[in-house]
């Protein structure tokens, strides 16, 4: 996996979780801190996750979102997306490659 020594210019990172913001804040205290916004998609419940087609509607884990990564370009178009299993860690090489293509970074 490449080591990212500096942020890729012209990019912004954020994370979105379905639990309420109080749970999200507690989760960040437990495993953070993060140097990017951690957003709550609680009300209306899962609206953002549903729009990205990653809200689990069925068991197991109904009401939670899939583990997924999206790279959205400045034009609002999704440049990269991948859904991972709950047990799988995201492959950051794919994300870095997509970010480089999107921003023109090398």
N, C-alpha and C. Protein backbone atom coordinates (compact mmCIF):
# COMPACT_ATOMS: atom_id res chain seq x y z
N UNK A 1 0.85 -1.17 0.00
CA UNK A 1 0.00 0.00 0.00
C UNK A 1 0.89 1.24 0.00
N UNK A 2 0.57 2.24 -0.84
CA UNK A 2 1.41 3.43 -0.86
C UNK A 2 1.22 4.24 0.41
N UNK A 3 2.26 4.95 0.79
CA UNK A 3 2.16 5.85 1.93
C UNK A 3 1.86 7.23 1.38
N UNK A 4 0.81 7.84 1.87
CA UNK A 4 0.42 9.16 1.42
C UNK A 4 1.04 10.16 2.38
N UNK A 5 2.13 10.80 1.96
CA UNK A 5 2.84 11.74 2.82
C UNK A 5 2.15 13.08 2.94
N UNK A 6 1.35 13.43 1.96
CA UNK A 6 0.59 14.68 2.01
C UNK A 6 -0.74 14.45 1.31
N UNK A 7 -1.75 15.23 1.66
CA UNK A 7 -3.03 15.04 0.99
C UNK A 7 -2.91 15.32 -0.50
N UNK A 8 -3.66 14.61 -1.29
CA UNK A 8 -3.71 14.92 -2.71
C UNK A 8 -4.41 16.25 -2.84
N UNK A 9 -3.79 17.19 -3.50
CA UNK A 9 -4.35 18.54 -3.60
C UNK A 9 -5.73 18.48 -4.23
N UNK A 10 -6.55 19.41 -3.86
CA UNK A 10 -7.91 19.56 -4.38
C UNK A 10 -8.83 18.44 -3.97
N UNK A 11 -8.55 17.77 -2.86
CA UNK A 11 -9.45 16.72 -2.39
C UNK A 11 -9.91 17.04 -0.97
N UNK A 12 -11.06 16.52 -0.64
CA UNK A 12 -11.60 16.64 0.71
C UNK A 12 -12.06 15.26 1.12
N UNK A 13 -11.75 14.87 2.34
CA UNK A 13 -12.15 13.58 2.86
C UNK A 13 -13.24 13.79 3.90
N UNK A 14 -14.24 12.92 3.87
CA UNK A 14 -15.24 12.90 4.93
C UNK A 14 -15.72 11.47 5.08
N UNK A 15 -16.32 11.17 6.20
CA UNK A 15 -16.88 9.84 6.45
C UNK A 15 -18.32 10.03 6.88
N UNK A 16 -19.18 9.11 6.47
CA UNK A 16 -20.58 9.17 6.84
C UNK A 16 -20.99 7.85 7.45
N UNK A 17 -21.64 7.92 8.62
CA UNK A 17 -22.14 6.73 9.31
C UNK A 17 -23.63 6.93 9.57
N UNK A 18 -24.36 5.84 9.68
CA UNK A 18 -25.80 5.91 9.91
C UNK A 18 -26.18 6.23 11.36
N UNK A 19 -25.44 5.80 12.38
CA UNK A 19 -25.86 6.09 13.76
C UNK A 19 -26.00 7.59 14.04
N UNK A 20 -26.76 7.96 15.09
CA UNK A 20 -26.92 9.37 15.44
C UNK A 20 -25.58 10.02 15.77
N UNK A 21 -25.54 11.34 15.68
CA UNK A 21 -24.28 12.06 15.87
C UNK A 21 -23.66 11.81 17.25
N UNK A 22 -24.45 11.61 18.29
CA UNK A 22 -23.89 11.32 19.61
C UNK A 22 -23.11 10.01 19.58
N UNK A 23 -23.64 9.00 18.90
CA UNK A 23 -22.92 7.72 18.77
C UNK A 23 -21.67 7.89 17.91
N UNK A 24 -21.78 8.70 16.86
CA UNK A 24 -20.64 8.94 15.98
C UNK A 24 -19.53 9.65 16.74
N UNK A 25 -19.89 10.63 17.58
CA UNK A 25 -18.90 11.35 18.38
C UNK A 25 -18.22 10.40 19.36
N UNK A 26 -18.98 9.53 20.01
CA UNK A 26 -18.40 8.55 20.95
C UNK A 26 -17.47 7.60 20.21
N UNK A 27 -17.88 7.16 19.03
CA UNK A 27 -17.07 6.25 18.22
C UNK A 27 -15.75 6.92 17.85
N UNK A 28 -15.79 8.20 17.46
CA UNK A 28 -14.57 8.92 17.12
C UNK A 28 -13.65 9.04 18.33
N UNK A 29 -14.23 9.31 19.51
CA UNK A 29 -13.40 9.39 20.72
C UNK A 29 -12.72 8.06 21.00
N UNK A 30 -13.42 6.97 20.71
CA UNK A 30 -12.88 5.64 20.99
C UNK A 30 -11.76 5.25 20.02
N UNK A 31 -11.93 5.53 18.74
CA UNK A 31 -10.92 5.06 17.76
C UNK A 31 -10.22 6.19 17.04
N UNK A 32 -10.60 7.45 17.28
CA UNK A 32 -10.03 8.60 16.59
C UNK A 32 -8.83 9.15 17.32
N UNK A 33 -8.52 10.39 17.17
CA UNK A 33 -9.31 11.36 16.42
C UNK A 33 -9.05 11.27 14.92
N UNK A 34 -10.00 11.78 14.16
CA UNK A 34 -9.87 11.83 12.71
C UNK A 34 -9.54 13.25 12.30
N UNK A 35 -8.82 13.39 11.21
CA UNK A 35 -8.52 14.73 10.72
C UNK A 35 -9.42 15.09 9.53
N UNK A 36 -10.63 14.52 9.54
CA UNK A 36 -11.63 14.83 8.52
C UNK A 36 -13.01 14.75 9.17
N UNK A 37 -14.01 15.38 8.54
CA UNK A 37 -15.35 15.36 9.13
C UNK A 37 -15.93 13.95 9.19
N UNK A 38 -16.57 13.63 10.29
CA UNK A 38 -17.28 12.37 10.47
C UNK A 38 -18.76 12.73 10.61
N UNK A 39 -19.54 12.45 9.58
CA UNK A 39 -20.92 12.89 9.49
C UNK A 39 -21.89 11.79 9.90
N UNK A 40 -23.04 12.19 10.41
CA UNK A 40 -24.08 11.26 10.80
C UNK A 40 -25.20 11.30 9.76
N UNK A 41 -25.64 10.13 9.33
CA UNK A 41 -26.72 9.98 8.35
C UNK A 41 -27.95 9.42 9.06
N UNK A 42 -28.21 9.95 10.26
CA UNK A 42 -29.26 9.37 11.10
C UNK A 42 -30.66 9.83 10.74
N UNK A 43 -30.88 11.13 10.51
CA UNK A 43 -32.23 11.59 10.25
C UNK A 43 -32.27 12.53 9.07
N UNK A 44 -33.13 12.31 8.11
CA UNK A 44 -33.96 11.10 8.02
C UNK A 44 -33.06 9.88 7.89
N UNK A 45 -33.41 8.84 8.62
CA UNK A 45 -32.53 7.69 8.80
C UNK A 45 -32.00 7.13 7.48
N UNK A 46 -30.69 7.19 7.33
CA UNK A 46 -30.02 6.58 6.19
C UNK A 46 -30.29 7.22 4.85
N UNK A 47 -30.76 8.45 4.81
CA UNK A 47 -31.11 9.08 3.54
C UNK A 47 -29.94 9.13 2.57
N UNK A 48 -28.78 9.55 3.05
CA UNK A 48 -27.61 9.64 2.17
C UNK A 48 -27.17 8.24 1.74
N UNK A 49 -27.10 7.31 2.69
CA UNK A 49 -26.72 5.93 2.36
C UNK A 49 -27.68 5.31 1.35
N UNK A 50 -28.96 5.58 1.52
CA UNK A 50 -29.97 5.06 0.59
C UNK A 50 -29.75 5.64 -0.81
N UNK A 51 -29.45 6.94 -0.90
CA UNK A 51 -29.22 7.57 -2.21
C UNK A 51 -27.99 7.00 -2.91
N UNK A 52 -27.01 6.56 -2.12
CA UNK A 52 -25.81 5.95 -2.69
C UNK A 52 -25.96 4.43 -2.83
N UNK A 53 -27.15 3.92 -2.51
CA UNK A 53 -27.48 2.49 -2.63
C UNK A 53 -26.61 1.60 -1.76
N UNK A 54 -26.29 2.08 -0.54
CA UNK A 54 -25.49 1.28 0.38
C UNK A 54 -26.16 1.09 1.74
N UNK A 55 -27.44 1.48 1.87
CA UNK A 55 -28.15 1.25 3.13
C UNK A 55 -28.66 -0.18 3.14
N UNK A 56 -28.31 -0.92 4.18
CA UNK A 56 -28.79 -2.30 4.31
C UNK A 56 -30.25 -2.28 4.73
N UNK A 57 -31.11 -2.78 3.88
CA UNK A 57 -32.55 -2.81 4.16
C UNK A 57 -32.96 -4.14 4.80
N UNK A 58 -32.14 -5.17 4.65
CA UNK A 58 -32.45 -6.52 5.15
C UNK A 58 -31.41 -6.92 6.20
N UNK A 59 -31.77 -7.89 7.01
CA UNK A 59 -30.83 -8.47 7.98
C UNK A 59 -29.79 -9.29 7.20
N UNK A 60 -28.60 -9.47 7.67
CA UNK A 60 -28.11 -8.94 8.94
C UNK A 60 -27.76 -7.46 8.81
N UNK A 61 -27.77 -6.79 9.91
CA UNK A 61 -27.39 -5.37 10.01
C UNK A 61 -28.34 -4.43 9.29
N UNK A 62 -29.63 -4.74 9.23
CA UNK A 62 -30.60 -3.83 8.62
C UNK A 62 -30.51 -2.46 9.29
N UNK A 63 -30.53 -1.42 8.49
CA UNK A 63 -30.46 -0.05 9.00
C UNK A 63 -29.05 0.51 9.06
N UNK A 64 -28.06 -0.34 8.87
CA UNK A 64 -26.67 0.12 8.81
C UNK A 64 -26.28 0.27 7.34
N UNK A 65 -25.20 0.98 7.10
CA UNK A 65 -24.74 1.11 5.72
C UNK A 65 -23.68 0.06 5.43
N UNK A 66 -23.56 -0.26 4.16
CA UNK A 66 -22.48 -1.13 3.72
C UNK A 66 -21.16 -0.39 3.95
N UNK A 67 -20.08 -1.12 4.02
CA UNK A 67 -18.75 -0.50 4.06
C UNK A 67 -18.42 -0.16 2.61
N UNK A 68 -18.31 1.11 2.32
CA UNK A 68 -18.12 1.53 0.93
C UNK A 68 -17.27 2.79 0.87
N UNK A 69 -16.63 2.97 -0.27
CA UNK A 69 -15.85 4.18 -0.52
C UNK A 69 -16.31 4.76 -1.84
N UNK A 70 -16.50 6.09 -1.85
CA UNK A 70 -16.86 6.81 -3.06
C UNK A 70 -15.89 7.96 -3.24
N UNK A 71 -15.43 8.17 -4.46
CA UNK A 71 -14.65 9.34 -4.80
C UNK A 71 -15.55 10.16 -5.72
N UNK A 72 -15.88 11.37 -5.28
CA UNK A 72 -16.77 12.24 -6.03
C UNK A 72 -15.94 13.39 -6.59
N UNK A 73 -16.02 13.59 -7.89
CA UNK A 73 -15.28 14.66 -8.54
C UNK A 73 -15.88 16.03 -8.26
N UNK A 74 -15.15 17.07 -8.59
CA UNK A 74 -15.63 18.45 -8.37
C UNK A 74 -16.95 18.70 -9.10
N UNK A 75 -17.18 17.97 -10.18
CA UNK A 75 -18.41 18.14 -10.95
C UNK A 75 -19.59 17.39 -10.33
N UNK A 76 -19.34 16.70 -9.19
CA UNK A 76 -20.40 15.96 -8.51
C UNK A 76 -20.60 14.55 -9.03
N UNK A 77 -19.84 14.15 -10.02
CA UNK A 77 -19.94 12.81 -10.58
C UNK A 77 -19.12 11.82 -9.77
N UNK A 78 -19.66 10.63 -9.55
CA UNK A 78 -18.91 9.59 -8.84
C UNK A 78 -17.83 9.06 -9.78
N UNK A 79 -16.58 9.24 -9.37
CA UNK A 79 -15.43 8.82 -10.17
C UNK A 79 -14.98 7.41 -9.82
N UNK A 80 -15.27 7.00 -8.60
CA UNK A 80 -14.87 5.67 -8.12
C UNK A 80 -15.83 5.25 -7.02
N UNK A 81 -16.22 4.00 -7.02
CA UNK A 81 -17.00 3.47 -5.90
C UNK A 81 -16.71 1.99 -5.77
N UNK A 82 -16.71 1.54 -4.54
CA UNK A 82 -16.52 0.13 -4.28
C UNK A 82 -17.16 -0.19 -2.93
N UNK A 83 -17.89 -1.31 -2.91
CA UNK A 83 -18.53 -1.79 -1.69
C UNK A 83 -17.71 -2.98 -1.19
N UNK A 84 -17.44 -2.98 0.10
CA UNK A 84 -16.63 -4.03 0.73
C UNK A 84 -17.50 -4.83 1.69
N UNK A 85 -17.12 -6.07 1.93
CA UNK A 85 -17.84 -6.85 2.93
C UNK A 85 -17.53 -6.27 4.31
N UNK A 86 -18.37 -6.57 5.28
CA UNK A 86 -18.18 -6.05 6.64
C UNK A 86 -16.81 -6.44 7.18
N UNK A 87 -16.32 -7.62 6.83
CA UNK A 87 -15.05 -8.12 7.36
C UNK A 87 -13.85 -7.63 6.55
N UNK A 88 -14.08 -6.98 5.43
CA UNK A 88 -13.00 -6.60 4.52
C UNK A 88 -12.59 -5.14 4.75
N UNK A 89 -11.31 -4.90 4.83
CA UNK A 89 -10.80 -3.53 4.92
C UNK A 89 -10.71 -2.95 3.51
N UNK A 90 -11.07 -1.68 3.35
CA UNK A 90 -10.98 -1.07 2.03
C UNK A 90 -9.56 -1.11 1.47
N UNK A 91 -9.49 -1.30 0.16
CA UNK A 91 -8.20 -1.34 -0.53
C UNK A 91 -7.83 0.09 -0.92
N UNK A 92 -6.95 0.68 -0.15
CA UNK A 92 -6.63 2.08 -0.35
C UNK A 92 -5.86 2.34 -1.64
N UNK A 93 -5.14 1.35 -2.17
CA UNK A 93 -4.46 1.54 -3.45
C UNK A 93 -5.46 1.96 -4.52
N UNK A 94 -6.64 1.32 -4.54
CA UNK A 94 -7.68 1.67 -5.51
C UNK A 94 -8.12 3.11 -5.34
N UNK A 95 -8.27 3.53 -4.10
CA UNK A 95 -8.73 4.89 -3.82
C UNK A 95 -7.67 5.90 -4.25
N UNK A 96 -6.41 5.64 -3.91
CA UNK A 96 -5.34 6.57 -4.29
C UNK A 96 -5.24 6.69 -5.80
N UNK A 97 -5.39 5.58 -6.51
CA UNK A 97 -5.36 5.60 -7.97
C UNK A 97 -6.52 6.45 -8.51
N UNK A 98 -7.72 6.24 -7.96
CA UNK A 98 -8.88 7.03 -8.41
C UNK A 98 -8.69 8.50 -8.11
N UNK A 99 -8.17 8.83 -6.93
CA UNK A 99 -7.92 10.23 -6.58
C UNK A 99 -6.91 10.85 -7.52
N UNK A 100 -5.87 10.11 -7.84
CA UNK A 100 -4.84 10.63 -8.75
C UNK A 100 -5.43 10.90 -10.12
N UNK A 101 -6.27 10.00 -10.63
CA UNK A 101 -6.92 10.20 -11.93
C UNK A 101 -7.84 11.41 -11.89
N UNK A 102 -8.59 11.54 -10.80
CA UNK A 102 -9.58 12.60 -10.68
C UNK A 102 -8.92 13.96 -10.57
N UNK A 103 -7.84 14.06 -9.81
CA UNK A 103 -7.21 15.36 -9.57
C UNK A 103 -6.05 15.64 -10.52
N UNK A 104 -5.62 14.63 -11.27
CA UNK A 104 -4.48 14.80 -12.14
C UNK A 104 -3.16 14.70 -11.40
N UNK A 105 -3.18 14.29 -10.13
CA UNK A 105 -1.96 14.14 -9.34
C UNK A 105 -1.19 12.92 -9.81
N UNK A 106 0.07 12.93 -9.63
CA UNK A 106 0.91 11.79 -10.02
C UNK A 106 1.63 11.25 -8.81
